[in-house]
């Protein structure tokens, strides 16, 4: 019994000493690893790859359009969520992550007025 208590105390002490990024990465687990390797993308990552320089408020609206399209395609289910550090404030936030070729990403591009031009360009390049 004493050995178990000692192990628990050491674990708690180690967890309290961990840095905030490490704690949030541990909370996200395998999902964070998939985002880091590019197997899953966040909406902000997609906008960065497409070169869309939108302010934070418009980026969040784009994310809402993508989430709505994802829910419509998957019977009301939400996408996988991951903890990520906000790009300007540095706060840790919970955001959705999608497969890189998920149709909801392109539906979100087409449905949001500020990114509609990116969807038409991508569709022209794909054709």
N, C-alpha and C. Protein backbone atom coordinates (compact mmCIF):
# COMPACT_ATOMS: atom_id res chain seq x y z
N UNK A 1 0.83 -1.19 0.00
CA UNK A 1 0.00 0.00 0.00
C UNK A 1 0.87 1.26 0.00
N UNK A 2 1.94 1.25 0.81
CA UNK A 2 2.81 2.43 0.91
C UNK A 2 3.47 2.73 -0.44
N UNK A 3 3.86 1.68 -1.17
CA UNK A 3 4.50 1.86 -2.47
C UNK A 3 3.52 2.52 -3.46
N UNK A 4 2.27 2.13 -3.44
CA UNK A 4 1.27 2.70 -4.32
C UNK A 4 1.08 4.19 -4.03
N UNK A 5 1.02 4.55 -2.78
CA UNK A 5 0.85 5.95 -2.39
C UNK A 5 2.05 6.77 -2.86
N UNK A 6 3.25 6.21 -2.72
CA UNK A 6 4.46 6.90 -3.16
C UNK A 6 4.44 7.13 -4.67
N UNK A 7 4.02 6.14 -5.41
CA UNK A 7 3.96 6.27 -6.88
C UNK A 7 2.94 7.34 -7.27
N UNK A 8 1.80 7.34 -6.61
CA UNK A 8 0.76 8.34 -6.90
C UNK A 8 1.28 9.75 -6.59
N UNK A 9 1.94 9.91 -5.47
CA UNK A 9 2.48 11.23 -5.10
C UNK A 9 3.52 11.70 -6.12
N UNK A 10 4.39 10.80 -6.55
CA UNK A 10 5.40 11.17 -7.54
C UNK A 10 4.75 11.55 -8.86
N UNK A 11 3.73 10.83 -9.25
CA UNK A 11 3.02 11.13 -10.49
C UNK A 11 2.37 12.50 -10.42
N UNK A 12 1.72 12.79 -9.32
CA UNK A 12 1.07 14.09 -9.15
C UNK A 12 2.12 15.21 -9.16
N UNK A 13 3.22 15.01 -8.48
CA UNK A 13 4.29 16.01 -8.46
C UNK A 13 4.84 16.25 -9.86
N UNK A 14 5.03 15.19 -10.62
CA UNK A 14 5.53 15.33 -11.99
C UNK A 14 4.52 16.05 -12.87
N UNK A 15 3.24 15.73 -12.70
CA UNK A 15 2.21 16.39 -13.50
C UNK A 15 2.13 17.88 -13.18
N UNK A 16 2.29 18.23 -11.93
CA UNK A 16 2.24 19.65 -11.55
C UNK A 16 3.45 20.42 -12.07
N UNK A 17 4.57 19.73 -12.26
CA UNK A 17 5.78 20.38 -12.74
C UNK A 17 5.83 20.48 -14.27
N UNK A 18 4.93 19.80 -14.95
CA UNK A 18 4.93 19.81 -16.42
C UNK A 18 4.53 21.19 -16.93
N UNK A 19 5.07 21.56 -18.06
CA UNK A 19 4.73 22.85 -18.66
C UNK A 19 3.32 22.81 -19.23
N UNK A 20 2.73 23.97 -19.42
CA UNK A 20 1.36 24.04 -19.93
C UNK A 20 1.25 23.41 -21.33
N UNK A 21 2.14 23.71 -22.27
CA UNK A 21 2.02 23.04 -23.58
C UNK A 21 2.07 21.51 -23.48
N UNK A 22 2.90 21.00 -22.61
CA UNK A 22 2.99 19.55 -22.44
C UNK A 22 1.69 18.99 -21.87
N UNK A 23 1.09 19.69 -20.90
CA UNK A 23 -0.17 19.22 -20.32
C UNK A 23 -1.28 19.19 -21.37
N UNK A 24 -1.40 20.24 -22.17
CA UNK A 24 -2.46 20.27 -23.19
C UNK A 24 -2.20 19.26 -24.30
N UNK A 25 -0.96 19.04 -24.65
CA UNK A 25 -0.64 18.02 -25.65
C UNK A 25 -0.99 16.64 -25.10
N UNK A 26 -0.73 16.42 -23.84
CA UNK A 26 -1.08 15.14 -23.23
C UNK A 26 -2.59 14.95 -23.18
N UNK A 27 -3.33 16.03 -22.93
CA UNK A 27 -4.79 15.94 -22.92
C UNK A 27 -5.31 15.56 -24.31
N UNK A 28 -4.70 16.09 -25.36
CA UNK A 28 -5.14 15.80 -26.72
C UNK A 28 -4.66 14.45 -27.20
N UNK A 29 -3.58 13.96 -26.63
CA UNK A 29 -3.08 12.63 -26.94
C UNK A 29 -2.73 12.42 -28.40
N UNK A 30 -3.24 11.33 -28.96
CA UNK A 30 -2.93 10.94 -30.33
C UNK A 30 -3.43 11.96 -31.35
N UNK A 31 -4.50 12.65 -31.03
CA UNK A 31 -5.05 13.64 -31.95
C UNK A 31 -4.03 14.76 -32.19
N UNK A 32 -3.36 15.20 -31.13
CA UNK A 32 -2.34 16.24 -31.28
C UNK A 32 -1.20 15.75 -32.17
N UNK A 33 -0.85 14.49 -32.04
CA UNK A 33 0.21 13.93 -32.88
C UNK A 33 -0.23 13.89 -34.34
N UNK A 34 -1.49 13.57 -34.60
CA UNK A 34 -2.00 13.54 -35.97
C UNK A 34 -2.04 14.96 -36.57
N UNK A 35 -2.37 15.95 -35.75
CA UNK A 35 -2.36 17.34 -36.23
C UNK A 35 -0.93 17.77 -36.52
N UNK A 36 0.00 17.41 -35.64
CA UNK A 36 1.40 17.80 -35.82
C UNK A 36 2.00 17.19 -37.09
N UNK A 37 1.57 15.99 -37.46
CA UNK A 37 2.11 15.34 -38.65
C UNK A 37 1.33 15.67 -39.92
N UNK A 38 0.24 16.41 -39.79
CA UNK A 38 -0.54 16.81 -40.95
C UNK A 38 -1.61 15.84 -41.38
N UNK A 39 -1.83 14.79 -40.61
CA UNK A 39 -2.88 13.83 -40.96
C UNK A 39 -4.27 14.37 -40.62
N UNK A 40 -4.31 15.32 -39.72
CA UNK A 40 -5.52 16.09 -39.42
C UNK A 40 -5.16 17.56 -39.51
N UNK A 41 -6.09 18.40 -39.95
CA UNK A 41 -5.83 19.83 -40.05
C UNK A 41 -6.89 20.62 -39.30
N UNK A 42 -6.47 21.74 -38.78
CA UNK A 42 -7.41 22.69 -38.18
C UNK A 42 -7.77 23.69 -39.27
N UNK A 43 -8.88 24.38 -39.10
CA UNK A 43 -9.32 25.33 -40.13
C UNK A 43 -8.29 26.45 -40.30
N UNK A 44 -7.67 26.89 -39.23
CA UNK A 44 -6.64 27.92 -39.33
C UNK A 44 -5.44 27.45 -40.13
N UNK A 45 -5.08 26.17 -39.98
CA UNK A 45 -3.97 25.61 -40.76
C UNK A 45 -4.29 25.64 -42.25
N UNK A 46 -5.54 25.30 -42.59
CA UNK A 46 -5.95 25.33 -43.99
C UNK A 46 -5.86 26.75 -44.55
N UNK A 47 -6.35 27.72 -43.79
CA UNK A 47 -6.28 29.11 -44.24
C UNK A 47 -4.84 29.56 -44.44
N UNK A 48 -3.97 29.15 -43.53
CA UNK A 48 -2.55 29.50 -43.67
C UNK A 48 -1.95 28.89 -44.93
N UNK A 49 -2.29 27.64 -45.22
CA UNK A 49 -1.76 26.96 -46.40
C UNK A 49 -2.26 27.60 -47.69
N UNK A 50 -3.50 28.12 -47.64
CA UNK A 50 -4.06 28.76 -48.83
C UNK A 50 -3.65 30.23 -48.95
N UNK A 51 -2.95 30.74 -47.94
CA UNK A 51 -2.49 32.12 -47.98
C UNK A 51 -3.56 33.14 -47.66
N UNK A 52 -4.62 32.73 -46.99
CA UNK A 52 -5.70 33.66 -46.60
C UNK A 52 -5.29 34.38 -45.33
N UNK A 53 -5.15 35.68 -45.42
CA UNK A 53 -4.75 36.48 -44.26
C UNK A 53 -6.00 37.12 -43.66
N UNK A 54 -6.76 36.32 -42.92
CA UNK A 54 -7.99 36.81 -42.30
C UNK A 54 -7.74 37.15 -40.84
N UNK A 55 -8.39 38.19 -40.31
CA UNK A 55 -8.30 38.47 -38.88
C UNK A 55 -8.93 37.33 -38.07
N UNK A 56 -8.62 37.27 -36.79
CA UNK A 56 -9.10 36.18 -35.95
C UNK A 56 -10.62 36.03 -35.96
N UNK A 57 -11.34 37.13 -35.90
CA UNK A 57 -12.80 37.06 -35.89
C UNK A 57 -13.36 36.40 -37.14
N UNK A 58 -12.75 36.68 -38.28
CA UNK A 58 -13.21 36.08 -39.53
C UNK A 58 -12.77 34.62 -39.63
N UNK A 59 -11.62 34.29 -39.05
CA UNK A 59 -11.18 32.90 -39.04
C UNK A 59 -12.14 32.04 -38.23
N UNK A 60 -12.62 32.57 -37.11
CA UNK A 60 -13.54 31.79 -36.30
C UNK A 60 -14.87 31.59 -37.02
N UNK A 61 -15.32 32.59 -37.78
CA UNK A 61 -16.55 32.42 -38.55
C UNK A 61 -16.36 31.38 -39.65
N UNK A 62 -15.19 31.35 -40.25
CA UNK A 62 -14.91 30.31 -41.24
C UNK A 62 -14.99 28.94 -40.57
N UNK A 63 -14.41 28.81 -39.40
CA UNK A 63 -14.47 27.55 -38.66
C UNK A 63 -15.89 27.13 -38.35
N UNK A 64 -16.76 28.09 -38.06
CA UNK A 64 -18.17 27.77 -37.80
C UNK A 64 -18.86 27.25 -39.06
N UNK A 65 -18.52 27.83 -40.20
CA UNK A 65 -19.10 27.35 -41.46
C UNK A 65 -18.64 25.92 -41.75
N UNK A 66 -17.39 25.63 -41.49
CA UNK A 66 -16.88 24.28 -41.72
C UNK A 66 -17.55 23.30 -40.77
N UNK A 67 -17.67 23.68 -39.50
CA UNK A 67 -18.31 22.80 -38.52
C UNK A 67 -19.76 22.52 -38.90
N UNK A 68 -20.45 23.52 -39.39
CA UNK A 68 -21.84 23.34 -39.81
C UNK A 68 -21.92 22.37 -40.99
N UNK A 69 -21.03 22.51 -41.94
CA UNK A 69 -21.00 21.60 -43.09
C UNK A 69 -20.66 20.18 -42.66
N UNK A 70 -19.75 20.04 -41.69
CA UNK A 70 -19.38 18.72 -41.19
C UNK A 70 -20.56 18.06 -40.50
N UNK A 71 -21.26 18.82 -39.65
CA UNK A 71 -22.42 18.28 -38.96
C UNK A 71 -23.51 17.84 -39.95
N UNK A 72 -23.71 18.63 -40.98
CA UNK A 72 -24.73 18.28 -41.98
C UNK A 72 -24.37 16.98 -42.70
N UNK A 73 -23.10 16.77 -42.95
CA UNK A 73 -22.66 15.57 -43.66
C UNK A 73 -22.58 14.33 -42.77
N UNK A 74 -22.48 14.53 -41.46
CA UNK A 74 -22.28 13.40 -40.54
C UNK A 74 -23.40 13.24 -39.53
N UNK A 75 -24.59 13.61 -39.90
CA UNK A 75 -25.75 13.37 -39.04
C UNK A 75 -25.74 14.12 -37.72
N UNK A 76 -25.19 15.30 -37.70
CA UNK A 76 -25.17 16.12 -36.49
C UNK A 76 -23.99 15.89 -35.57
N UNK A 77 -23.09 14.99 -35.93
CA UNK A 77 -21.92 14.71 -35.10
C UNK A 77 -20.85 15.78 -35.30
N UNK A 78 -20.15 16.10 -34.23
CA UNK A 78 -19.04 17.06 -34.31
C UNK A 78 -17.76 16.37 -34.75
N UNK A 79 -16.86 17.13 -35.30
CA UNK A 79 -15.53 16.62 -35.68
C UNK A 79 -14.71 16.39 -34.41
N UNK A 80 -13.58 15.76 -34.59
CA UNK A 80 -12.64 15.52 -33.48
C UNK A 80 -12.13 16.86 -32.99
N UNK A 81 -11.93 16.97 -31.68
CA UNK A 81 -11.44 18.23 -31.12
C UNK A 81 -10.03 18.04 -30.56
N UNK A 82 -9.27 19.12 -30.59
CA UNK A 82 -7.89 19.10 -30.11
C UNK A 82 -7.61 20.43 -29.41
N UNK A 83 -6.76 20.39 -28.41
CA UNK A 83 -6.34 21.62 -27.75
C UNK A 83 -5.25 22.28 -28.59
N UNK A 84 -5.39 23.57 -28.83
CA UNK A 84 -4.40 24.30 -29.63
C UNK A 84 -4.18 25.67 -29.01
N UNK A 85 -3.00 26.20 -29.20
CA UNK A 85 -2.69 27.53 -28.69
C UNK A 85 -3.14 28.57 -29.71
N UNK A 86 -3.90 29.55 -29.24
CA UNK A 86 -4.40 30.62 -30.12
C UNK A 86 -3.22 31.36 -30.71
N UNK A 87 -3.31 31.70 -31.99
CA UNK A 87 -2.15 32.26 -32.69
C UNK A 87 -1.77 33.66 -32.24
N UNK A 88 -2.72 34.45 -31.70
CA UNK A 88 -2.37 35.82 -31.28
C UNK A 88 -2.39 36.00 -29.78
N UNK A 89 -3.34 35.39 -29.09
CA UNK A 89 -3.43 35.60 -27.64
C UNK A 89 -2.59 34.62 -26.85
N UNK A 90 -2.28 33.46 -27.43
CA UNK A 90 -1.49 32.46 -26.73
C UNK A 90 -2.31 31.59 -25.79
N UNK A 91 -3.60 31.87 -25.66
CA UNK A 91 -4.46 31.06 -24.79
C UNK A 91 -4.71 29.70 -25.42
N UNK A 92 -4.94 28.70 -24.59
CA UNK A 92 -5.23 27.37 -25.09
C UNK A 92 -6.73 27.24 -25.32
N UNK A 93 -7.10 26.82 -26.53
CA UNK A 93 -8.51 26.70 -26.90
C UNK A 93 -8.76 25.32 -27.50
N UNK A 94 -10.01 24.90 -27.47
CA UNK A 94 -10.42 23.62 -28.03
C UNK A 94 -10.94 23.88 -29.45
N UNK A 95 -10.33 23.28 -30.45
CA UNK A 95 -10.74 23.50 -31.84
C UNK A 95 -10.98 22.14 -32.52
N UNK A 96 -11.75 22.17 -33.60
CA UNK A 96 -12.01 20.96 -34.36
C UNK A 96 -10.86 20.66 -35.32
N UNK A 97 -10.66 19.39 -35.58
CA UNK A 97 -9.64 18.95 -36.54
C UNK A 97 -10.32 18.05 -37.56
N UNK A 98 -9.92 18.17 -38.81
CA UNK A 98 -10.56 17.46 -39.92
C UNK A 98 -9.51 16.73 -40.74
N UNK A 99 -9.95 15.75 -41.52
CA UNK A 99 -9.07 15.11 -42.49
C UNK A 99 -8.71 16.15 -43.54
N UNK A 100 -7.49 16.14 -44.06
CA UNK A 100 -7.06 17.18 -45.01
C UNK A 100 -7.95 17.34 -46.24
N UNK A 101 -8.57 16.26 -46.69
CA UNK A 101 -9.42 16.34 -47.88
C UNK A 101 -10.90 16.25 -47.53
N UNK A 102 -11.26 16.55 -46.30
CA UNK A 102 -12.65 16.47 -45.87
C UNK A 102 -13.50 17.44 -46.69
N UNK A 103 -14.61 16.98 -47.27
CA UNK A 103 -15.47 17.86 -48.07
C UNK A 103 -16.01 19.05 -47.27
N UNK A 104 -16.11 18.91 -45.96
CA UNK A 104 -16.62 20.01 -45.13
C UNK A 104 -15.70 21.23 -45.20
N UNK A 105 -14.41 21.02 -45.35
CA UNK A 105 -13.47 22.14 -45.46
C UNK A 105 -13.75 22.95 -46.71
N UNK A 106 -14.00 22.27 -47.81
CA UNK A 106 -14.26 22.97 -49.08
C UNK A 106 -15.66 23.56 -49.11
N UNK A 107 -16.60 22.87 -48.44
CA UNK A 107 -17.95 23.43 -48.33
C UNK A 107 -17.92 24.70 -47.48
N UNK A 108 -17.11 24.71 -46.43
CA UNK A 108 -16.95 25.91 -45.61
C UNK A 108 -16.31 27.05 -46.38
N UNK A 109 -15.31 26.73 -47.20
CA UNK A 109 -14.69 27.76 -48.04
C UNK A 109 -15.72 28.38 -48.98
N UNK A 110 -16.56 27.54 -49.56
CA UNK A 110 -17.54 28.03 -50.53
C UNK A 110 -18.70 28.78 -49.87
N UNK A 111 -19.06 28.39 -48.64
CA UNK A 111 -20.23 29.01 -48.01
C UNK A 111 -19.91 30.31 -47.27
N UNK A 112 -18.67 30.53 -46.88
CA UNK A 112 -18.32 31.75 -46.16
C UNK A 112 -17.86 32.80 -47.17
N UNK A 113 -18.48 33.95 -47.14
CA UNK A 113 -18.23 34.99 -48.13
C UNK A 113 -16.78 35.44 -48.22
N UNK A 114 -16.07 35.49 -47.10
CA UNK A 114 -14.68 35.97 -47.10
C UNK A 114 -13.69 34.96 -47.68
N UNK A 115 -14.13 33.70 -47.82
CA UNK A 115 -13.23 32.68 -48.36
C UNK A 115 -13.76 32.08 -49.65
N UNK A 116 -14.88 32.56 -50.14
CA UNK A 116 -15.50 32.00 -51.34
C UNK A 116 -14.53 32.03 -52.53
N UNK A 117 -13.75 33.09 -52.64
CA UNK A 117 -12.81 33.18 -53.76
C UNK A 117 -11.73 32.10 -53.70
N UNK A 118 -11.38 31.63 -52.51
CA UNK A 118 -10.40 30.56 -52.38
C UNK A 118 -10.96 29.23 -52.85
N UNK A 119 -12.25 29.00 -52.62
CA UNK A 119 -12.88 27.75 -53.04
C UNK A 119 -12.95 27.68 -54.56
N UNK A 120 -13.29 28.78 -55.21
CA UNK A 120 -13.38 28.76 -56.68
C UNK A 120 -12.02 28.54 -57.31
N UNK A 121 -10.98 29.14 -56.72
CA UNK A 121 -9.62 28.95 -57.23
C UNK A 121 -9.18 27.50 -57.09
N UNK A 122 -9.46 26.91 -55.91
CA UNK A 122 -9.06 25.52 -55.68
C UNK A 122 -9.81 24.58 -56.60
N UNK A 123 -11.09 24.84 -56.82
CA UNK A 123 -11.87 23.97 -57.69
C UNK A 123 -11.39 24.08 -59.14
N UNK A 124 -10.98 25.27 -59.56
CA UNK A 124 -10.46 25.44 -60.91
C UNK A 124 -9.14 24.71 -61.09
N UNK A 125 -8.29 24.73 -60.04
CA UNK A 125 -7.01 24.04 -60.13
C UNK A 125 -7.19 22.54 -60.15
N UNK A 126 -8.22 22.04 -59.44
CA UNK A 126 -8.44 20.60 -59.38
C UNK A 126 -9.01 20.06 -60.68
N UNK A 127 -9.67 20.92 -61.46
CA UNK A 127 -10.34 20.45 -62.70
C UNK A 127 -9.39 20.29 -63.85
